[in-house]
C-alpha cells in the first residue's frame, strides 16, 4: 500500500465494514496511514486493476477490542464488488500469510461473520463463535 491508495481504500473499507458506525473516511484513512508509517510488521496489501486499487487486506497486531487477546491478525479483507469472484480475495489472503511467515509468525487469527466458508476453503479453522456488539462473530485461525 502506498499513500496514493489510502483515500480509495478507506472509502472501500468504509462501505464494506463501517456503514452506520459513525466512523469517518478521515478516521479510516488515518488508520491506514498509521500502517504506512509503522515498523513494517503491520502492513497493508493492495490488489489493482489497471493501476487502480480494487481491494486490500491487512496484517495487524491487534483487532476488535477486547474480544480476544491474540496476535497477529489478518484483517480488513475487502474487494470491490465489481471484481469479486475472480480469486482476488484469496490472493490477498495468501499475500498476508506470506508476509506473516517472512516475519516469523506461525499462527494468524481473524474475525468474520459472513465469510466462514471462504476462509475454510483457504485452510482456516473456526476457533469459537461469539457475539460482538450483539452481532454474531467467528474467531478463526490458521497455522502457517
C-alpha atoms as a PDB file:
ATOM      1  CA  UNK A   1       0.000   0.000   0.000  1.00  0.00           C
ATOM      2  CA  UNK A   2       1.225   3.463  -0.839  1.00  0.00           C
ATOM      3  CA  UNK A   3      -0.076   6.891   0.125  1.00  0.00           C
ATOM      4  CA  UNK A   4      -1.955   7.410  -3.138  1.00  0.00           C
ATOM      5  CA  UNK A   5      -4.074   4.305  -2.319  1.00  0.00           C
ATOM      6  CA  UNK A   6      -5.211   5.442   1.116  1.00  0.00           C
ATOM      7  CA  UNK A   7      -8.306   7.512   0.259  1.00  0.00           C
ATOM      8  CA  UNK A   8      -9.649   4.980  -2.258  1.00  0.00           C
ATOM      9  CA  UNK A   9      -9.112   2.052   0.101  1.00  0.00           C
ATOM     10  CA  UNK A  10     -10.571   3.927   3.064  1.00  0.00           C
ATOM     11  CA  UNK A  11     -13.734   4.593   1.034  1.00  0.00           C
ATOM     12  CA  UNK A  12     -13.940   0.919   0.015  1.00  0.00           C
ATOM     13  CA  UNK A  13     -13.441  -0.183   3.626  1.00  0.00           C
ATOM     14  CA  UNK A  14     -15.975   2.317   4.940  1.00  0.00           C
ATOM     15  CA  UNK A  15     -18.655   0.975   2.601  1.00  0.00           C
ATOM     16  CA  UNK A  16     -17.855  -2.662   3.446  1.00  0.00           C
ATOM     17  CA  UNK A  17     -17.301  -2.534   7.202  1.00  0.00           C
ATOM     18  CA  UNK A  18     -18.318   0.717   8.828  1.00  0.00           C
ATOM     19  CA  UNK A  19     -21.682   1.850   7.470  1.00  0.00           C
ATOM     20  CA  UNK A  20     -23.808   3.172  10.282  1.00  0.00           C
ATOM     21  CA  UNK A  21     -20.977   3.064  12.817  1.00  0.00           C
ATOM     22  CA  UNK A  22     -20.092   6.739  12.756  1.00  0.00           C
ATOM     23  CA  UNK A  23     -16.559   6.028  11.560  1.00  0.00           C
ATOM     24  CA  UNK A  24     -15.425   8.641   9.077  1.00  0.00           C
ATOM     25  CA  UNK A  25     -13.372   8.433   5.928  1.00  0.00           C
ATOM     26  CA  UNK A  26     -10.716  10.552   7.638  1.00  0.00           C
ATOM     27  CA  UNK A  27     -10.525   8.158  10.617  1.00  0.00           C
ATOM     28  CA  UNK A  28     -10.100   5.103   8.425  1.00  0.00           C
ATOM     29  CA  UNK A  29      -7.565   6.865   6.213  1.00  0.00           C
ATOM     30  CA  UNK A  30      -5.602   7.843   9.336  1.00  0.00           C
ATOM     31  CA  UNK A  31      -5.522   4.197  10.425  1.00  0.00           C
ATOM     32  CA  UNK A  32      -4.216   3.110   7.033  1.00  0.00           C
ATOM     33  CA  UNK A  33      -1.586   5.854   7.128  1.00  0.00           C
ATOM     34  CA  UNK A  34      -0.520   4.509  10.512  1.00  0.00           C
ATOM     35  CA  UNK A  35       0.291   1.198   8.836  1.00  0.00           C
ATOM     36  CA  UNK A  36       2.395   3.019   6.254  1.00  0.00           C
ATOM     37  CA  UNK A  37       4.323   4.815   8.985  1.00  0.00           C
ATOM     38  CA  UNK A  38       4.801   1.711  11.129  1.00  0.00           C
ATOM     39  CA  UNK A  39       7.691  -0.670  11.607  1.00  0.00           C
ATOM     40  CA  UNK A  40       6.937  -2.855   8.569  1.00  0.00           C
ATOM     41  CA  UNK A  41       5.496  -5.764  10.541  1.00  0.00           C
ATOM     42  CA  UNK A  42       1.969  -4.419  10.245  1.00  0.00           C
ATOM     43  CA  UNK A  43       1.207  -3.974   6.580  1.00  0.00           C
ATOM     44  CA  UNK A  44      -1.491  -3.342   4.044  1.00  0.00           C
ATOM     45  CA  UNK A  45      -1.563  -5.122   0.701  1.00  0.00           C
ATOM     46  CA  UNK A  46      -3.415  -3.884  -2.357  1.00  0.00           C
ATOM     47  CA  UNK A  47      -4.911  -5.589  -5.393  1.00  0.00           C
ATOM     48  CA  UNK A  48      -5.006  -3.434  -8.518  1.00  0.00           C
ATOM     49  CA  UNK A  49      -6.856  -3.442 -11.802  1.00  0.00           C
ATOM     50  CA  UNK A  50      -5.431  -1.190 -14.495  1.00  0.00           C
ATOM     51  CA  UNK A  51      -3.403   0.585 -11.835  1.00  0.00           C
ATOM     52  CA  UNK A  52      -6.373   1.364  -9.596  1.00  0.00           C
ATOM     53  CA  UNK A  53      -6.791  -0.205  -6.137  1.00  0.00           C
ATOM     54  CA  UNK A  54      -9.709  -2.645  -6.084  1.00  0.00           C
ATOM     55  CA  UNK A  55      -9.046  -4.480  -2.842  1.00  0.00           C
ATOM     56  CA  UNK A  56      -6.879  -4.759   0.213  1.00  0.00           C
ATOM     57  CA  UNK A  57      -6.040  -6.902   3.207  1.00  0.00           C
ATOM     58  CA  UNK A  58      -4.072  -6.077   6.351  1.00  0.00           C
ATOM     59  CA  UNK A  59      -1.737  -7.742   8.810  1.00  0.00           C
ATOM     60  CA  UNK A  60      -2.164  -6.062  12.200  1.00  0.00           C
ATOM     61  CA  UNK A  61      -1.075  -6.716  15.774  1.00  0.00           C
ATOM     62  CA  UNK A  62      -4.488  -6.117  17.328  1.00  0.00           C
ATOM     63  CA  UNK A  63      -8.082  -6.317  16.210  1.00  0.00           C
ATOM     64  CA  UNK A  64     -11.530  -5.948  17.824  1.00  0.00           C
ATOM     65  CA  UNK A  65     -11.041  -4.924  21.442  1.00  0.00           C
ATOM     66  CA  UNK A  66     -11.436  -6.506  23.927  1.00  0.00           C
ATOM     67  CA  UNK A  67     -12.870  -9.686  22.409  1.00  0.00           C
ATOM     68  CA  UNK A  68      -9.644 -11.731  22.355  1.00  0.00           C
ATOM     69  CA  UNK A  69      -6.093 -11.118  23.490  1.00  0.00           C
ATOM     70  CA  UNK A  70      -4.401 -12.748  20.489  1.00  0.00           C
ATOM     71  CA  UNK A  71      -1.926 -11.556  17.908  1.00  0.00           C
ATOM     72  CA  UNK A  72      -1.332 -11.078  14.976  1.00  0.00           C
ATOM     73  CA  UNK A  73      -4.432 -10.706  12.809  1.00  0.00           C
ATOM     74  CA  UNK A  74      -5.422 -10.896   9.192  1.00  0.00           C
ATOM     75  CA  UNK A  75      -7.911  -8.034   8.975  1.00  0.00           C
ATOM     76  CA  UNK A  76      -9.965  -5.887   6.665  1.00  0.00           C
ATOM     77  CA  UNK A  77     -10.112  -8.098   3.589  1.00  0.00           C
ATOM     78  CA  UNK A  78     -12.192  -6.205   1.064  1.00  0.00           C
ATOM     79  CA  UNK A  79     -12.571  -6.457  -2.705  1.00  0.00           C
ATOM     80  CA  UNK A  80     -14.594  -4.041  -4.796  1.00  0.00           C
ATOM     81  CA  UNK A  81     -17.949  -5.626  -5.581  1.00  0.00           C
ATOM     82  CA  UNK A  82     -17.382  -5.482  -9.338  1.00  0.00           C
ATOM     83  CA  UNK A  83     -14.193  -7.543  -9.038  1.00  0.00           C
ATOM     84  CA  UNK A  84     -15.322 -10.300  -6.688  1.00  0.00           C
ATOM     85  CA  UNK A  85     -15.350 -13.970  -7.639  1.00  0.00           C
ATOM     86  CA  UNK A  86     -12.037 -13.787  -9.509  1.00  0.00           C
ATOM     87  CA  UNK A  87      -9.663 -15.056  -6.810  1.00  0.00           C
ATOM     88  CA  UNK A  88      -8.533 -11.591  -5.737  1.00  0.00           C
ATOM     89  CA  UNK A  89      -9.561 -12.081  -2.105  1.00  0.00           C
ATOM     90  CA  UNK A  90      -7.778 -15.427  -1.924  1.00  0.00           C
ATOM     91  CA  UNK A  91      -4.638 -13.871  -3.425  1.00  0.00           C
ATOM     92  CA  UNK A  92      -4.726 -11.072  -0.853  1.00  0.00           C
ATOM     93  CA  UNK A  93      -5.106 -13.584   1.998  1.00  0.00           C
ATOM     94  CA  UNK A  94      -2.155 -15.615   0.675  1.00  0.00           C
ATOM     95  CA  UNK A  95      -0.083 -12.415   0.411  1.00  0.00           C
ATOM     96  CA  UNK A  96      -0.756 -11.536   4.057  1.00  0.00           C
ATOM     97  CA  UNK A  97       0.072 -15.104   5.076  1.00  0.00           C
ATOM     98  CA  UNK A  98       3.373 -14.979   3.157  1.00  0.00           C
ATOM     99  CA  UNK A  99       4.281 -11.656   4.790  1.00  0.00           C
ATOM    100  CA  UNK A 100       3.470 -13.119   8.214  1.00  0.00           C
ATOM    101  CA  UNK A 101       5.630 -16.194   7.562  1.00  0.00           C
ATOM    102  CA  UNK A 102       8.515 -13.973   6.446  1.00  0.00           C
ATOM    103  CA  UNK A 103       8.124 -12.018   9.701  1.00  0.00           C
ATOM    104  CA  UNK A 104       8.389 -15.239  11.748  1.00  0.00           C
ATOM    105  CA  UNK A 105       4.681 -15.674  12.534  1.00  0.00           C
ATOM    106  CA  UNK A 106       3.449 -19.247  12.909  1.00  0.00           C
ATOM    107  CA  UNK A 107      -0.262 -18.596  13.534  1.00  0.00           C
ATOM    108  CA  UNK A 108      -2.714 -15.945  12.341  1.00  0.00           C
ATOM    109  CA  UNK A 109      -6.178 -15.045  13.598  1.00  0.00           C
ATOM    110  CA  UNK A 110      -9.172 -13.340  12.005  1.00  0.00           C
ATOM    111  CA  UNK A 111     -12.745 -12.368  12.693  1.00  0.00           C
ATOM    112  CA  UNK A 112     -15.582 -12.902  10.269  1.00  0.00           C
ATOM    113  CA  UNK A 113     -19.321 -13.079  10.399  1.00  0.00           C
ATOM    114  CA  UNK A 114     -20.121 -13.781   6.756  1.00  0.00           C
ATOM    115  CA  UNK A 115     -17.107 -15.364   5.097  1.00  0.00           C
ATOM    116  CA  UNK A 116     -16.652 -18.559   7.112  1.00  0.00           C
ATOM    117  CA  UNK A 117     -16.731 -20.887   4.080  1.00  0.00           C
ATOM    118  CA  UNK A 118     -14.355 -18.659   2.084  1.00  0.00           C
ATOM    119  CA  UNK A 119     -11.721 -18.861   4.830  1.00  0.00           C
ATOM    120  CA  UNK A 120     -12.285 -22.579   5.489  1.00  0.00           C
ATOM    121  CA  UNK A 121     -11.526 -23.308   1.823  1.00  0.00           C
ATOM    122  CA  UNK A 122      -8.240 -21.425   2.327  1.00  0.00           C
ATOM    123  CA  UNK A 123      -7.291 -23.610   5.304  1.00  0.00           C
ATOM    124  CA  UNK A 124      -8.609 -21.528   8.198  1.00  0.00           C
ATOM    125  CA  UNK A 125     -10.413 -23.182  11.149  1.00  0.00           C
ATOM    126  CA  UNK A 126     -13.156 -21.937  13.430  1.00  0.00           C
ATOM    127  CA  UNK A 127     -11.879 -21.457  16.971  1.00  0.00           C
ATOM    128  CA  UNK A 128     -15.091 -20.168  18.518  1.00  0.00           C
ATOM    129  CA  UNK A 129     -18.313 -18.335  17.799  1.00  0.00           C
ATOM    130  CA  UNK A 130     -19.071 -15.272  19.949  1.00  0.00           C
ATOM    131  CA  UNK A 131     -21.006 -12.021  19.914  1.00  0.00           C
ATOM    132  CA  UNK A 132     -19.572  -8.546  19.341  1.00  0.00           C
ATOM    133  CA  UNK A 133     -21.924  -5.625  19.979  1.00  0.00           C
ATOM    134  CA  UNK A 134     -24.863  -8.035  19.816  1.00  0.00           C
ATOM    135  CA  UNK A 135     -23.824  -9.429  16.420  1.00  0.00           C
ATOM    136  CA  UNK A 136     -22.645 -12.997  15.724  1.00  0.00           C
ATOM    137  CA  UNK A 137     -18.933 -13.369  15.009  1.00  0.00           C
ATOM    138  CA  UNK A 138     -16.433 -16.160  14.480  1.00  0.00           C
ATOM    139  CA  UNK A 139     -12.874 -16.272  15.661  1.00  0.00           C
ATOM    140  CA  UNK A 140     -10.825 -18.244  13.145  1.00  0.00           C
ATOM    141  CA  UNK A 141      -7.132 -19.131  12.975  1.00  0.00           C
ATOM    142  CA  UNK A 142      -4.622 -20.686  10.634  1.00  0.00           C
ATOM    143  CA  UNK A 143      -1.365 -22.404  11.434  1.00  0.00           C
ATOM    144  CA  UNK A 144       1.244 -21.184   8.937  1.00  0.00           C
END
